[in-house]
Amino acid sequence: MEKLKYITMLEATELVKQIEDYFGVSANKITVVKPIEIVDGDNTNTPEPKTIFDVVLVEFPPNSLIAVMKQVRVLTQWGIREIRDSLHNLPQIIKSNVNIQEAEQIKQKLEELGATVSLK
């Protein structure tokens, strides 16, 4: 398990493909449908506020490429190749499943560099 923490995104992708082939499974997302609950006949559908977000880098000015790469490296611990590839294929999820406070901090740091960031 310790070795998995330090593999690149390319190596992880290849590992997933090998596991899929060997076990005959698929790593595609599974959709689970949650049953509708009606409590005491109350039909008010007030959605719960979202607390977990994905930070998506939409765009950034070309003159701040190096600064954005450095900031993404600090935030994600990705290697230079993964960062370069993701910055050339925008929009890109930079960090996923983070709470609102962390998401806002990341957004602020990237926007200070002139980047456009969205939270989903």
Foldseek 3Di string as FASTA:
>chain_A
DVVVVPDAPVVVVVVQVVVCVVVVHDPDDDDDDDDDDQDPNDPDDDDDDDFWKWKWFAAADPVLLVVLLVLLCVVQVHDSVVSVVPRVDPRDGSGGGDGPVVSVVSCVSVVVRVTDMDID
